[in-house]
PDB file of N, CA and C in Angstrom:
ATOM      1  N   MET A   1     108.062 -58.089  88.582  1.00  0.00           N
ATOM      2  CA  MET A   1     107.094 -58.808  87.787  1.00  0.00           C
ATOM      3  C   MET A   1     106.143 -57.785  87.150  1.00  0.00           C
ATOM      4  N   ASN A   2     105.989 -57.879  85.857  1.00  0.00           N
ATOM      5  CA  ASN A   2     105.122 -56.898  85.212  1.00  0.00           C
ATOM      6  C   ASN A   2     103.669 -57.358  85.246  1.00  0.00           C
ATOM      7  N   ILE A   3     102.793 -56.443  84.928  1.00  0.00           N
ATOM      8  CA  ILE A   3     101.351 -56.686  85.034  1.00  0.00           C
ATOM      9  C   ILE A   3     100.879 -57.734  84.021  1.00  0.00           C
ATOM     10  N   ASN A   4     101.535 -57.817  82.865  1.00  0.00           N
ATOM     11  CA  ASN A   4     101.139 -58.784  81.845  1.00  0.00           C
ATOM     12  C   ASN A   4     101.339 -60.216  82.342  1.00  0.00           C
ATOM     13  N   ARG A   5     102.459 -60.489  82.969  1.00  0.00           N
ATOM     14  CA  ARG A   5     102.713 -61.835  83.494  1.00  0.00           C
ATOM     15  C   ARG A   5     101.722 -62.186  84.600  1.00  0.00           C
ATOM     16  N   LEU A   6     101.399 -61.219  85.433  1.00  0.00           N
ATOM     17  CA  LEU A   6     100.458 -61.439  86.518  1.00  0.00           C
ATOM     18  C   LEU A   6      99.067 -61.767  85.977  1.00  0.00           C
ATOM     19  N   ILE A   7      98.631 -61.025  84.987  1.00  0.00           N
ATOM     20  CA  ILE A   7      97.326 -61.280  84.367  1.00  0.00           C
ATOM     21  C   ILE A   7      97.321 -62.648  83.698  1.00  0.00           C
ATOM     22  N   ASN A   8      98.390 -62.999  83.008  1.00  0.00           N
ATOM     23  CA  ASN A   8      98.462 -64.314  82.365  1.00  0.00           C
ATOM     24  C   ASN A   8      98.386 -65.446  83.383  1.00  0.00           C
ATOM     25  N   MET A   9      99.042 -65.284  84.513  1.00  0.00           N
ATOM     26  CA  MET A   9      98.991 -66.312  85.554  1.00  0.00           C
ATOM     27  C   MET A   9      97.567 -66.505  86.059  1.00  0.00           C
ATOM     28  N   ILE A  10      96.865 -65.418  86.285  1.00  0.00           N
ATOM     29  CA  ILE A  10      95.497 -65.489  86.788  1.00  0.00           C
ATOM     30  C   ILE A  10      94.571 -66.106  85.742  1.00  0.00           C
ATOM     31  N   VAL A  11      94.719 -65.678  84.498  1.00  0.00           N
ATOM     32  CA  VAL A  11      93.862 -66.198  83.429  1.00  0.00           C
ATOM     33  C   VAL A  11      94.103 -67.688  83.231  1.00  0.00           C
ATOM     34  N   ARG A  12      95.331 -68.132  83.254  1.00  0.00           N
ATOM     35  CA  ARG A  12      95.624 -69.563  83.104  1.00  0.00           C
ATOM     36  C   ARG A  12      94.997 -70.379  84.216  1.00  0.00           C
ATOM     37  N   ARG A  13      95.090 -69.886  85.432  1.00  0.00           N
ATOM     38  CA  ARG A  13      94.520 -70.618  86.561  1.00  0.00           C
ATOM     39  C   ARG A  13      93.001 -70.715  86.452  1.00  0.00           C
ATOM     40  N   VAL A  14      92.361 -69.623  86.100  1.00  0.00           N
ATOM     41  CA  VAL A  14      90.900 -69.628  85.954  1.00  0.00           C
ATOM     42  C   VAL A  14      90.481 -70.551  84.814  1.00  0.00           C
ATOM     43  N   MET A  15      91.186 -70.492  83.692  1.00  0.00           N
ATOM     44  CA  MET A  15      90.853 -71.349  82.559  1.00  0.00           C
ATOM     45  C   MET A  15      91.049 -72.829  82.907  1.00  0.00           C
ATOM     46  N   ARG A  16      92.095 -73.148  83.649  1.00  0.00           N
ATOM     47  CA  ARG A  16      92.342 -74.531  84.055  1.00  0.00           C
ATOM     48  C   ARG A  16      91.202 -75.035  84.931  1.00  0.00           C
ATOM     49  N   GLN A  17      90.731 -74.207  85.855  1.00  0.00           N
ATOM     50  CA  GLN A  17      89.641 -74.613  86.725  1.00  0.00           C
ATOM     51  C   GLN A  17      88.345 -74.790  85.935  1.00  0.00           C
ATOM     52  N   MET A  18      88.097 -73.893  84.991  1.00  0.00           N
ATOM     53  CA  MET A  18      86.889 -73.995  84.173  1.00  0.00           C
ATOM     54  C   MET A  18      86.925 -75.250  83.307  1.00  0.00           C
ATOM     55  N   MET A  19      88.069 -75.542  82.709  1.00  0.00           N
ATOM     56  CA  MET A  19      88.197 -76.740  81.886  1.00  0.00           C
ATOM     57  C   MET A  19      87.995 -77.993  82.734  1.00  0.00           C
ATOM     58  N   SER A  20      88.549 -77.997  83.930  1.00  0.00           N
ATOM     59  CA  SER A  20      88.420 -79.145  84.810  1.00  0.00           C
ATOM     60  C   SER A  20      86.958 -79.379  85.187  1.00  0.00           C
ATOM     61  N   LYS A  21      86.249 -78.310  85.527  1.00  0.00           N
ATOM     62  CA  LYS A  21      84.836 -78.451  85.875  1.00  0.00           C
ATOM     63  C   LYS A  21      84.014 -78.910  84.682  1.00  0.00           C
ATOM     64  N   GLY A  22      84.328 -78.415  83.498  1.00  0.00           N
ATOM     65  CA  GLY A  22      83.610 -78.829  82.301  1.00  0.00           C
ATOM     66  C   GLY A  22      83.838 -80.288  81.973  1.00  0.00           C
ATOM     67  N   ILE A  23      85.062 -80.739  82.092  1.00  0.00           N
ATOM     68  CA  ILE A  23      85.377 -82.150  81.821  1.00  0.00           C
ATOM     69  C   ILE A  23      84.698 -83.035  82.857  1.00  0.00           C
ATOM     70  N   ASP A  24      84.743 -82.655  84.125  1.00  0.00           N
ATOM     71  CA  ASP A  24      84.094 -83.439  85.170  1.00  0.00           C
ATOM     72  C   ASP A  24      82.580 -83.512  84.946  1.00  0.00           C
ATOM     73  N   ALA A  25      81.974 -82.390  84.555  1.00  0.00           N
ATOM     74  CA  ALA A  25      80.535 -82.382  84.303  1.00  0.00           C
ATOM     75  C   ALA A  25      80.188 -83.283  83.122  1.00  0.00           C
ATOM     76  N   GLY A  26      81.002 -83.273  82.083  1.00  0.00           N
ATOM     77  CA  GLY A  26      80.756 -84.136  80.931  1.00  0.00           C
ATOM     78  C   GLY A  26      80.880 -85.602  81.280  1.00  0.00           C
ATOM     79  N   ILE A  27      81.881 -85.948  82.053  1.00  0.00           N
ATOM     80  CA  ILE A  27      82.051 -87.339  82.476  1.00  0.00           C
ATOM     81  C   ILE A  27      80.879 -87.762  83.353  1.00  0.00           C
ATOM     82  N   ASP A  28      80.456 -86.910  84.264  1.00  0.00           N
ATOM     83  CA  ASP A  28      79.321 -87.245  85.120  1.00  0.00           C
ATOM     84  C   ASP A  28      78.037 -87.412  84.310  1.00  0.00           C
ATOM     85  N   ARG A  29      77.853 -86.559  83.329  1.00  0.00           N
ATOM     86  CA  ARG A  29      76.627 -86.618  82.525  1.00  0.00           C
ATOM     87  C   ARG A  29      76.556 -87.904  81.724  1.00  0.00           C
ATOM     88  N   PHE A  30      77.647 -88.314  81.137  1.00  0.00           N
ATOM     89  CA  PHE A  30      77.626 -89.505  80.309  1.00  0.00           C
ATOM     90  C   PHE A  30      77.757 -90.796  81.105  1.00  0.00           C
ATOM     91  N   SER A  31      78.115 -90.703  82.374  1.00  0.00           N
ATOM     92  CA  SER A  31      78.204 -91.919  83.185  1.00  0.00           C
ATOM     93  C   SER A  31      76.888 -92.209  83.900  1.00  0.00           C
ATOM     94  N   LYS A  32      75.934 -91.272  83.859  1.00  0.00           N
ATOM     95  CA  LYS A  32      74.632 -91.518  84.477  1.00  0.00           C
ATOM     96  C   LYS A  32      73.786 -92.398  83.557  1.00  0.00           C
ATOM     97  N   PRO A  33      72.968 -93.280  84.143  1.00  0.00           N
ATOM     98  CA  PRO A  33      72.122 -94.139  83.311  1.00  0.00           C
ATOM     99  C   PRO A  33      70.941 -93.366  82.730  1.00  0.00           C
ATOM    100  N   ARG A  34      70.436 -93.874  81.633  1.00  0.00           N
ATOM    101  CA  ARG A  34      69.238 -93.281  81.044  1.00  0.00           C
ATOM    102  C   ARG A  34      68.026 -93.747  81.831  1.00  0.00           C
ATOM    103  N   GLN A  35      66.880 -93.129  81.597  1.00  0.00           N
ATOM    104  CA  GLN A  35      65.665 -93.462  82.330  1.00  0.00           C
ATOM    105  C   GLN A  35      65.177 -94.882  82.039  1.00  0.00           C
ATOM    106  N   ASP A  36      65.397 -95.373  80.827  1.00  0.00           N
ATOM    107  CA  ASP A  36      64.875 -96.682  80.454  1.00  0.00           C
ATOM    108  C   ASP A  36      65.792 -97.830  80.874  1.00  0.00           C
ATOM    109  N   GLU A  37      66.895 -97.545  81.508  1.00  0.00           N
ATOM    110  CA  GLU A  37      67.821 -98.590  81.921  1.00  0.00           C
ATOM    111  C   GLU A  37      67.557 -99.000  83.362  1.00  0.00           C
ATOM    112  N   THR A  38      67.144-100.249  83.529  1.00  0.00           N
ATOM    113  CA  THR A  38      66.940-100.803  84.864  1.00  0.00           C
ATOM    114  C   THR A  38      67.373-102.261  84.841  1.00  0.00           C
ATOM    115  N   GLY A  39      67.555-102.832  86.012  1.00  0.00           N
ATOM    116  CA  GLY A  39      67.907-104.241  86.097  1.00  0.00           C
ATOM    117  C   GLY A  39      69.354-104.452  86.494  1.00  0.00           C
ATOM    118  N   PRO A  40      69.705-105.695  86.780  1.00  0.00           N
ATOM    119  CA  PRO A  40      71.061-105.998  87.260  1.00  0.00           C
ATOM    120  C   PRO A  40      72.143-105.820  86.191  1.00  0.00           C
ATOM    121  N   GLN A  41      71.796-106.067  84.922  1.00  0.00           N
ATOM    122  CA  GLN A  41      72.797-105.895  83.862  1.00  0.00           C
ATOM    123  C   GLN A  41      73.170-104.425  83.713  1.00  0.00           C
ATOM    124  N   HIS A  42      72.168-103.588  83.788  1.00  0.00           N
ATOM    125  CA  HIS A  42      72.436-102.159  83.650  1.00  0.00           C
ATOM    126  C   HIS A  42      73.166-101.614  84.878  1.00  0.00           C
ATOM    127  N   LYS A  43      72.880-102.193  86.044  1.00  0.00           N
ATOM    128  CA  LYS A  43      73.593-101.765  87.255  1.00  0.00           C
ATOM    129  C   LYS A  43      75.074-102.099  87.146  1.00  0.00           C
ATOM    130  N   ALA A  44      75.386-103.281  86.618  1.00  0.00           N
ATOM    131  CA  ALA A  44      76.786-103.665  86.445  1.00  0.00           C
ATOM    132  C   ALA A  44      77.474-102.744  85.444  1.00  0.00           C
ATOM    133  N   ARG A  45      76.784-102.405  84.359  1.00  0.00           N
ATOM    134  CA  ARG A  45      77.356-101.478  83.373  1.00  0.00           C
ATOM    135  C   ARG A  45      77.558-100.097  83.973  1.00  0.00           C
ATOM    136  N   LYS A  46      76.590 -99.676  84.810  1.00  0.00           N
ATOM    137  CA  LYS A  46      76.695 -98.370  85.451  1.00  0.00           C
ATOM    138  C   LYS A  46      77.901 -98.319  86.371  1.00  0.00           C
ATOM    139  N   ASP A  47      78.080 -99.365  87.169  1.00  0.00           N
ATOM    140  CA  ASP A  47      79.229 -99.418  88.074  1.00  0.00           C
ATOM    141  C   ASP A  47      80.545 -99.414  87.294  1.00  0.00           C
ATOM    142  N   ALA A  48      80.581-100.189  86.206  1.00  0.00           N
ATOM    143  CA  ALA A  48      81.797-100.235  85.392  1.00  0.00           C
ATOM    144  C   ALA A  48      82.085 -98.876  84.759  1.00  0.00           C
ATOM    145  N   SER A  49      81.037 -98.191  84.295  1.00  0.00           N
ATOM    146  CA  SER A  49      81.268 -96.888  83.667  1.00  0.00           C
ATOM    147  C   SER A  49      81.709 -95.850  84.689  1.00  0.00           C
ATOM    148  N   ARG A  50      81.197 -95.948  85.910  1.00  0.00           N
ATOM    149  CA  ARG A  50      81.637 -95.025  86.952  1.00  0.00           C
ATOM    150  C   ARG A  50      83.095 -95.243  87.310  1.00  0.00           C
ATOM    151  N   LYS A  51      83.495 -96.510  87.401  1.00  0.00           N
ATOM    152  CA  LYS A  51      84.898 -96.812  87.691  1.00  0.00           C
ATOM    153  C   LYS A  51      85.788 -96.309  86.562  1.00  0.00           C
ATOM    154  N   LEU A  52      85.327 -96.476  85.332  1.00  0.00           N
ATOM    155  CA  LEU A  52      86.090 -95.982  84.184  1.00  0.00           C
ATOM    156  C   LEU A  52      86.194 -94.458  84.215  1.00  0.00           C
ATOM    157  N   ALA A  53      85.106 -93.793  84.599  1.00  0.00           N
ATOM    158  CA  ALA A  53      85.126 -92.336  84.700  1.00  0.00           C
ATOM    159  C   ALA A  53      86.096 -91.880  85.784  1.00  0.00           C
ATOM    160  N   GLN A  54      86.123 -92.590  86.896  1.00  0.00           N
ATOM    161  CA  GLN A  54      87.054 -92.236  87.968  1.00  0.00           C
ATOM    162  C   GLN A  54      88.495 -92.439  87.524  1.00  0.00           C
ATOM    163  N   LYS A  55      88.749 -93.517  86.786  1.00  0.00           N
ATOM    164  CA  LYS A  55      90.098 -93.745  86.270  1.00  0.00           C
ATOM    165  C   LYS A  55      90.490 -92.644  85.297  1.00  0.00           C
ATOM    166  N   ALA A  56      89.548 -92.210  84.465  1.00  0.00           N
ATOM    167  CA  ALA A  56      89.831 -91.144  83.508  1.00  0.00           C
ATOM    168  C   ALA A  56      90.163 -89.844  84.230  1.00  0.00           C
ATOM    169  N   GLN A  57      89.429 -89.554  85.293  1.00  0.00           N
ATOM    170  CA  GLN A  57      89.715 -88.345  86.055  1.00  0.00           C
ATOM    171  C   GLN A  57      91.093 -88.419  86.710  1.00  0.00           C
ATOM    172  N   LYS A  58      91.426 -89.570  87.275  1.00  0.00           N
ATOM    173  CA  LYS A  58      92.732 -89.730  87.909  1.00  0.00           C
ATOM    174  C   LYS A  58      93.861 -89.611  86.893  1.00  0.00           C
ATOM    175  N   SER A  59      93.664 -90.230  85.728  1.00  0.00           N
ATOM    176  CA  SER A  59      94.718 -90.152  84.719  1.00  0.00           C
ATOM    177  C   SER A  59      94.840 -88.726  84.184  1.00  0.00           C
ATOM    178  N   GLY A  60      93.733 -88.008  84.093  1.00  0.00           N
ATOM    179  CA  GLY A  60      93.798 -86.614  83.679  1.00  0.00           C
ATOM    180  C   GLY A  60      94.579 -85.762  84.660  1.00  0.00           C
ATOM    181  N   ARG A  61      94.372 -86.024  85.940  1.00  0.00           N
ATOM    182  CA  ARG A  61      95.141 -85.289  86.953  1.00  0.00           C
ATOM    183  C   ARG A  61      96.623 -85.621  86.869  1.00  0.00           C
ATOM    184  N   LEU A  62      96.921 -86.900  86.627  1.00  0.00           N
ATOM    185  CA  LEU A  62      98.318 -87.326  86.519  1.00  0.00           C
ATOM    186  C   LEU A  62      98.987 -86.666  85.324  1.00  0.00           C
ATOM    187  N   VAL A  63      98.291 -86.625  84.198  1.00  0.00           N
ATOM    188  CA  VAL A  63      98.852 -85.980  83.009  1.00  0.00           C
ATOM    189  C   VAL A  63      99.063 -84.503  83.268  1.00  0.00           C
ATOM    190  N   GLY A  64      98.139 -83.892  83.999  1.00  0.00           N
ATOM    191  CA  GLY A  64      98.302 -82.477  84.345  1.00  0.00           C
ATOM    192  C   GLY A  64      99.531 -82.235  85.195  1.00  0.00           C
ATOM    193  N   ARG A  65      99.764 -83.147  86.141  1.00  0.00           N
ATOM    194  CA  ARG A  65     100.945 -83.009  86.979  1.00  0.00           C
ATOM    195  C   ARG A  65     102.218 -83.204  86.182  1.00  0.00           C
ATOM    196  N   LEU A  66     102.208 -84.185  85.274  1.00  0.00           N
ATOM    197  CA  LEU A  66     103.388 -84.444  84.472  1.00  0.00           C
ATOM    198  C   LEU A  66     103.655 -83.309  83.477  1.00  0.00           C
ATOM    199  N   GLY A  67     102.597 -82.650  83.035  1.00  0.00           N
ATOM    200  CA  GLY A  67     102.756 -81.556  82.084  1.00  0.00           C
ATOM    201  C   GLY A  67     103.400 -80.319  82.681  1.00  0.00           C
ATOM    202  N   ARG A  68     103.428 -80.231  83.978  1.00  0.00           N
ATOM    203  CA  ARG A  68     104.018 -79.061  84.624  1.00  0.00           C
ATOM    204  C   ARG A  68     105.539 -79.062  84.554  1.00  0.00           C
ATOM    205  N   PHE A  69     106.135 -80.235  84.371  1.00  0.00           N
ATOM    206  CA  PHE A  69     107.595 -80.314  84.399  1.00  0.00           C
ATOM    207  C   PHE A  69     108.164 -80.055  83.069  1.00  0.00           C
TER     208      PHE A  69
END
């Protein structure tokens, strides 16, 4: 195995982890409620958006797994 392939493997892994953390941070940031949102309606929307964010993360992982083949 030459050094170029080894470096590429390491760089790909680091970039994948960085992209994953960035996407997770973006989803978390946009799923948090704003300061002016209070009450039961906003709580229901918050719960729904969190569930949607979790589904998006799961589907992203699934697509990542499928992309390996």
